C-alpha atoms as a PDB file:
ATOM      1  CA  UNK A   1      -4.547 -16.041  -6.029  1.00  0.00           C
ATOM      2  CA  UNK A   2      -7.742 -17.489  -7.296  1.00  0.00           C
ATOM      3  CA  UNK A   3      -9.881 -16.533  -4.327  1.00  0.00           C
ATOM      4  CA  UNK A   4     -10.857 -12.988  -3.243  1.00  0.00           C
ATOM      5  CA  UNK A   5      -8.934 -11.692  -0.257  1.00  0.00           C
ATOM      6  CA  UNK A   6      -9.195  -8.736   2.021  1.00  0.00           C
ATOM      7  CA  UNK A   7      -5.772  -7.043   2.089  1.00  0.00           C
ATOM      8  CA  UNK A   8      -4.356  -4.085   3.974  1.00  0.00           C
ATOM      9  CA  UNK A   9      -4.442  -1.010   1.741  1.00  0.00           C
ATOM     10  CA  UNK A  10      -1.542   1.433   1.518  1.00  0.00           C
ATOM     11  CA  UNK A  11      -2.269   4.683  -0.366  1.00  0.00           C
ATOM     12  CA  UNK A  12       0.776   6.003  -2.225  1.00  0.00           C
ATOM     13  CA  UNK A  13       1.461   9.705  -2.832  1.00  0.00           C
ATOM     14  CA  UNK A  14       3.236  10.475  -6.083  1.00  0.00           C
ATOM     15  CA  UNK A  15       4.180   6.866  -6.713  1.00  0.00           C
ATOM     16  CA  UNK A  16       2.685   4.171  -8.918  1.00  0.00           C
ATOM     17  CA  UNK A  17       3.691   0.526  -8.552  1.00  0.00           C
ATOM     18  CA  UNK A  18       3.318  -2.021 -11.325  1.00  0.00           C
ATOM     19  CA  UNK A  19       3.501  -5.823 -11.112  1.00  0.00           C
ATOM     20  CA  UNK A  20       6.993  -7.346 -10.845  1.00  0.00           C
ATOM     21  CA  UNK A  21       8.596  -4.064  -9.714  1.00  0.00           C
ATOM     22  CA  UNK A  22      11.028  -4.021  -6.817  1.00  0.00           C
ATOM     23  CA  UNK A  23      10.807  -0.748  -5.009  1.00  0.00           C
ATOM     24  CA  UNK A  24      11.936   0.865  -1.755  1.00  0.00           C
ATOM     25  CA  UNK A  25       9.910   3.733  -0.302  1.00  0.00           C
ATOM     26  CA  UNK A  26       9.379   5.528   3.000  1.00  0.00           C
ATOM     27  CA  UNK A  27       6.136   5.298   4.953  1.00  0.00           C
ATOM     28  CA  UNK A  28       5.316   7.890   7.581  1.00  0.00           C
ATOM     29  CA  UNK A  29       1.546   8.207   7.899  1.00  0.00           C
ATOM     30  CA  UNK A  30       0.109   6.237  10.811  1.00  0.00           C
ATOM     31  CA  UNK A  31      -2.473   4.491   8.618  1.00  0.00           C
ATOM     32  CA  UNK A  32       0.258   3.381   6.204  1.00  0.00           C
ATOM     33  CA  UNK A  33       2.410   2.033   9.044  1.00  0.00           C
ATOM     34  CA  UNK A  34      -0.627   0.125  10.362  1.00  0.00           C
ATOM     35  CA  UNK A  35      -1.268  -1.345   6.910  1.00  0.00           C
ATOM     36  CA  UNK A  36       2.349  -2.529   6.682  1.00  0.00           C
ATOM     37  CA  UNK A  37       2.180  -4.007  10.186  1.00  0.00           C
ATOM     38  CA  UNK A  38      -1.027  -5.865   9.255  1.00  0.00           C
ATOM     39  CA  UNK A  39       0.586  -7.250   6.098  1.00  0.00           C
ATOM     40  CA  UNK A  40       3.596  -8.465   8.027  1.00  0.00           C
ATOM     41  CA  UNK A  41       1.400 -10.227  10.624  1.00  0.00           C
ATOM     42  CA  UNK A  42      -0.344 -12.184   7.880  1.00  0.00           C
ATOM     43  CA  UNK A  43       1.078 -13.317   4.556  1.00  0.00           C
ATOM     44  CA  UNK A  44       3.056 -10.127   3.674  1.00  0.00           C
ATOM     45  CA  UNK A  45       0.563  -9.201   0.942  1.00  0.00           C
ATOM     46  CA  UNK A  46      -0.614  -5.601   0.692  1.00  0.00           C
ATOM     47  CA  UNK A  47      -2.694  -3.614  -1.824  1.00  0.00           C
ATOM     48  CA  UNK A  48      -0.852  -0.543  -3.109  1.00  0.00           C
ATOM     49  CA  UNK A  49      -2.929   2.174  -4.805  1.00  0.00           C
ATOM     50  CA  UNK A  50      -2.010   5.696  -5.867  1.00  0.00           C
ATOM     51  CA  UNK A  51      -3.749   8.763  -4.469  1.00  0.00           C
ATOM     52  CA  UNK A  52      -5.336  11.120  -6.979  1.00  0.00           C
ATOM     53  CA  UNK A  53      -4.466  14.280  -5.007  1.00  0.00           C
ATOM     54  CA  UNK A  54      -1.080  14.213  -3.241  1.00  0.00           C
ATOM     55  CA  UNK A  55      -2.162  16.899  -0.782  1.00  0.00           C
ATOM     56  CA  UNK A  56      -4.856  14.802   0.887  1.00  0.00           C
ATOM     57  CA  UNK A  57      -3.453  13.623   4.218  1.00  0.00           C
ATOM     58  CA  UNK A  58      -6.189  11.097   5.092  1.00  0.00           C
ATOM     59  CA  UNK A  59      -7.473   9.679   1.793  1.00  0.00           C
ATOM     60  CA  UNK A  60     -10.851   7.971   1.422  1.00  0.00           C
ATOM     61  CA  UNK A  61     -12.068   5.739  -1.420  1.00  0.00           C
ATOM     62  CA  UNK A  62     -12.903   8.747  -3.617  1.00  0.00           C
ATOM     63  CA  UNK A  63      -9.324  10.035  -3.233  1.00  0.00           C
ATOM     64  CA  UNK A  64      -7.779   6.864  -4.695  1.00  0.00           C
ATOM     65  CA  UNK A  65      -7.507   5.448  -8.189  1.00  0.00           C
ATOM     66  CA  UNK A  66      -9.631   2.367  -8.783  1.00  0.00           C
ATOM     67  CA  UNK A  67      -6.751   0.159  -9.938  1.00  0.00           C
ATOM     68  CA  UNK A  68      -3.791  -0.827  -7.790  1.00  0.00           C
ATOM     69  CA  UNK A  69      -1.225  -3.572  -7.369  1.00  0.00           C
ATOM     70  CA  UNK A  70      -1.068  -6.453  -4.917  1.00  0.00           C
ATOM     71  CA  UNK A  71       2.496  -6.561  -3.611  1.00  0.00           C
ATOM     72  CA  UNK A  72       4.520  -8.710  -1.267  1.00  0.00           C
ATOM     73  CA  UNK A  73       6.423  -6.875   1.463  1.00  0.00           C
ATOM     74  CA  UNK A  74       9.899  -8.320   1.626  1.00  0.00           C
ATOM     75  CA  UNK A  75      11.433  -6.150   4.294  1.00  0.00           C
ATOM     76  CA  UNK A  76      10.430  -3.424   6.735  1.00  0.00           C
ATOM     77  CA  UNK A  77      13.116  -1.252   8.311  1.00  0.00           C
ATOM     78  CA  UNK A  78      11.861   0.820  11.230  1.00  0.00           C
ATOM     79  CA  UNK A  79      13.782   3.912  12.218  1.00  0.00           C
END
């Protein structure tokens, strides 16, 4: 990944992801589902970043930490 990319962003509540982690988690907010769908339509890459305040339902840039992790979505299970 030597070139800058625009990736779907998925804000995480109460969860921090580091490089080389394998993790399963539930996604329920509409914006998070849309971010996952966008990642799956492209190259399965997504930018995961932790929210500062877990109570914020619709986070904006000021509600997120400035460092996150680029991840590859391996599987999506819709229920």
